[in-house]
Protein backbone atom coordinates (compact mmCIF):
# COMPACT_ATOMS: atom_id res chain seq x y z
CA LEU A 1 0.00 0.00 0.00
CA ASP A 2 2.89 2.38 0.69
CA ASN A 3 3.98 2.32 -2.94
CA LEU A 4 0.50 3.50 -3.96
CA ARG A 5 0.87 6.54 -1.72
CA LEU A 6 4.07 7.75 -3.44
CA GLY A 7 5.20 9.63 -0.36
CA ARG A 8 1.72 10.85 0.65
CA GLU A 9 1.61 9.25 4.09
CA ASP A 10 -1.52 11.27 4.94
CA LEU A 11 -3.57 9.21 2.46
CA SER A 12 -5.55 6.55 4.31
CA TYR A 13 -6.37 3.07 3.10
CA THR A 14 -9.90 4.31 2.42
CA ASP A 15 -8.65 7.32 0.41
CA ILE A 16 -6.54 5.06 -1.76
CA THR A 17 -9.10 2.29 -2.26
CA ARG A 18 -11.84 4.79 -3.16
CA ALA A 19 -9.64 6.50 -5.72
CA LEU A 20 -8.62 3.13 -7.19
CA GLU A 21 -12.25 2.03 -7.30
CA ASP A 22 -13.28 5.30 -8.96
CA VAL A 23 -10.87 4.69 -11.82
CA GLY A 24 -11.78 0.99 -12.08
CA LEU A 25 -8.46 -0.36 -10.85
CA LEU A 26 -9.16 -1.65 -7.34
CA ASP A 27 -10.29 -5.18 -8.31
CA GLU A 28 -7.38 -5.57 -10.72
CA LEU A 29 -4.80 -4.64 -8.06
CA LEU A 30 -6.47 -6.80 -5.43
CA ALA A 31 -6.25 -9.75 -7.83
CA MET A 32 -2.44 -9.43 -8.06
CA PRO A 33 -0.42 -11.93 -5.98
CA ASP A 34 0.47 -9.32 -3.34
CA GLY A 35 -2.76 -7.33 -3.73
CA LEU A 36 -2.38 -3.68 -2.77
CA ASP A 37 1.12 -4.47 -1.49
CA THR A 38 2.31 -5.36 -5.00
CA GLU A 39 5.50 -3.39 -5.63
CA LEU A 40 4.79 -0.82 -8.34
CA HIS A 41 7.17 1.47 -10.16
CA PRO A 42 6.18 5.18 -9.84
CA HIS A 43 4.85 5.00 -13.40
CA GLY A 44 2.90 1.83 -12.69
CA ARG A 45 5.06 -1.06 -13.87
CA PRO A 46 4.19 -4.08 -13.88
CA LEU A 47 0.76 -2.79 -14.95
CA SER A 48 -0.43 -2.41 -18.52
CA PHE A 49 -0.27 1.09 -19.98
CA ARG A 50 -4.01 1.53 -19.45
CA GLN A 51 -3.82 0.35 -15.84
CA ALA A 52 -0.81 2.59 -15.17
CA CYS A 53 -2.68 5.63 -16.54
CA ARG A 54 -5.62 4.89 -14.25
CA LEU A 55 -3.25 4.44 -11.31
CA MET A 56 -1.62 7.83 -11.91
CA ILE A 57 -5.03 9.49 -12.13
CA ALA A 58 -6.14 7.81 -8.89
CA ARG A 59 -2.97 8.91 -7.09
CA ALA A 60 -3.34 12.50 -8.26
CA LEU A 61 -7.04 12.72 -7.50
CA ALA A 62 -6.83 11.18 -4.06
CA GLY A 63 -4.02 13.52 -3.08
CA ARG A 64 -5.62 16.71 -4.35
CA LEU A 65 -9.03 15.95 -2.91
CA VAL A 66 -7.58 15.04 0.47
CA ASP A 67 -5.53 18.26 0.45
CA GLY A 68 -8.82 20.13 0.02
CA PHE A 69 -10.41 18.30 2.96
CA ILE A 70 -7.45 19.11 5.16
CA ALA A 71 -7.54 22.78 4.17
CA ASP A 72 -11.28 22.99 4.87
CA GLY A 73 -11.09 21.02 8.11
CA ARG A 74 -14.21 19.08 7.15
CA VAL A 75 -15.62 16.99 4.31
CA ASP A 76 -18.92 16.08 2.70
CA GLY A 77 -17.90 12.73 1.19
CA ALA A 78 -20.65 12.67 -1.43
CA GLN A 79 -20.29 16.22 -2.66
CA GLN A 80 -16.57 16.84 -2.20
CA TYR A 81 -15.32 13.38 -3.13
CA ALA A 82 -17.69 11.05 -4.98
CA GLN A 83 -19.22 13.69 -7.26
CA GLN A 84 -15.82 15.19 -8.06
CA ILE A 85 -14.08 12.08 -9.37
CA PRO A 86 -15.83 11.52 -12.75
CA PRO A 87 -15.55 15.09 -14.09
CA ARG A 88 -11.96 15.38 -12.87
CA VAL A 89 -10.93 12.08 -14.46
CA ILE A 90 -12.57 13.09 -17.73
CA ALA A 91 -11.00 16.55 -17.59
CA HIS A 92 -7.59 14.96 -16.96
CA LEU A 93 -7.97 12.60 -19.92
CA LEU A 94 -9.14 15.39 -22.22
CA GLY A 95 -6.42 17.76 -21.02
CA VAL A 96 -8.81 20.45 -19.78
CA ASP A 97 -8.76 22.38 -16.52
CA GLU A 98 -9.78 20.00 -13.70
CA GLY A 99 -10.58 23.08 -11.63
CA ARG A 100 -13.74 23.45 -13.71
CA ALA A 101 -15.14 20.13 -12.42
CA GLU A 102 -18.00 21.84 -10.61
CA GLU A 103 -18.95 23.70 -13.78
CA PHE A 104 -18.82 20.44 -15.77
CA THR A 105 -21.04 18.77 -13.16
CA ASP A 106 -23.54 21.64 -13.43
CA TRP A 107 -23.63 21.29 -17.23
CA VAL A 108 -24.19 17.54 -17.02
CA ARG A 109 -26.94 18.00 -14.43
CA GLY A 110 -28.49 20.58 -16.76
CA VAL A 111 -28.61 18.03 -19.57
CA LEU A 112 -29.46 14.82 -17.69
CA GLU A 113 -31.27 15.86 -14.54
CA ILE A 114 -32.79 19.35 -14.60
CA GLY A 115 -33.12 19.23 -18.38
CA LEU A 116 -35.51 16.29 -18.21
CA SER A 117 -38.26 18.61 -17.05
CA ASN A 118 -36.90 21.88 -18.46
CA PRO A 119 -35.99 21.74 -22.16
CA ALA A 120 -34.61 25.30 -22.11
CA VAL A 121 -32.07 24.33 -19.40
CA ARG A 122 -31.17 21.17 -21.34
CA ALA A 123 -30.57 23.15 -24.55
CA ALA A 124 -28.55 25.85 -22.77
CA SER A 125 -26.41 23.28 -20.95
CA ARG A 126 -25.79 21.30 -24.13
CA GLU A 127 -24.80 24.50 -25.94
CA LYS A 128 -22.32 25.37 -23.15
CA ILE A 129 -20.75 21.90 -23.41
CA MET A 130 -20.49 21.98 -27.21
CA ASN A 131 -19.12 25.55 -27.26
CA PHE A 132 -16.59 24.69 -24.57
CA PHE A 133 -15.28 21.68 -26.49
CA ALA A 134 -15.30 23.59 -29.78
CA GLY A 135 -12.98 26.08 -28.09
CA GLU A 136 -10.77 23.29 -26.78
CA VAL A 137 -10.51 21.72 -30.26
CA ALA A 138 -9.64 25.09 -31.78
CA ASP A 139 -6.98 25.59 -29.09
CA ARG A 140 -5.46 22.15 -29.82
CA ARG A 141 -5.24 22.99 -33.52
CA ALA A 142 -2.94 25.86 -32.53
CA ASN A 143 -1.34 24.22 -29.46
CA PRO A 144 -1.41 20.40 -29.46
CA LYS A 145 -1.00 18.74 -26.07
CA ASP A 146 -0.42 15.24 -24.77
CA ASP A 147 -4.10 14.49 -24.23
CA LEU A 148 -7.05 12.67 -25.74
CA ILE A 149 -8.34 15.67 -27.72
CA SER A 150 -4.99 15.98 -29.50
CA GLU A 151 -4.90 12.20 -30.05
CA LEU A 152 -8.35 12.33 -31.64
CA MET A 153 -7.20 15.17 -33.88
CA ALA A 154 -4.30 13.04 -35.08
CA ALA A 155 -6.53 10.00 -35.69
CA GLU A 156 -8.02 8.91 -38.99
CA ILE A 157 -11.19 7.09 -39.96
CA ASP A 158 -11.00 5.28 -43.30
CA GLY A 159 -7.87 7.26 -44.15
CA GLU A 160 -9.52 10.62 -43.45
CA PRO A 161 -8.83 12.89 -40.48
CA VAL A 162 -11.47 12.82 -37.76
CA SER A 163 -13.71 15.87 -38.16
CA ASP A 164 -13.89 18.56 -35.49
CA GLU A 165 -17.61 17.82 -35.19
CA HIS A 166 -16.82 14.18 -34.39
CA ILE A 167 -14.16 15.16 -31.82
CA ILE A 168 -16.50 17.64 -30.13
CA GLY A 169 -19.25 15.00 -30.07
CA THR A 170 -16.88 12.44 -28.54
CA CYS A 171 -15.83 14.91 -25.83
CA ASN A 172 -19.49 15.71 -25.15
CA LEU A 173 -20.31 12.02 -24.85
CA MET A 174 -17.41 11.41 -22.47
CA LEU A 175 -18.50 14.26 -20.22
CA VAL A 176 -22.22 13.47 -20.21
CA ALA A 177 -21.95 9.69 -20.12
């Protein structure tokens, strides 16, 4: 378990297991011969690339969220932890500002929750999401990064570059789903 903390001794077993569970890695690590005590390289070896990426996200998220709890001196586990993981993981993968997680959550709620009974809210929230990702795609055209949006821009379908519309739609789906 210590090698999962990477020097963050303040992270509890619960902090670590929740973060690993949130990125879908807990069961895979528990299945290893030494479970959570399996010796891991800082970049995740002997895990697959995909597992290592999820491990790095879990480590970063658990640490940052716990830092926030410590600074506040209190925590609402549902609001400050559980609801924050999905938009932050998605933001990390897409290479967008994780600090906007609350805004992303509001947009998704506007589409999936509030928007069910209020079509105007649904349309406005969807427009905010699509405009945001259109801006991110335009930014990557000028300034590629090491993220999923840039990877999608470099991809091809049937020998043709993936359209901006397709990339924006994929980002929208990732955020809302």
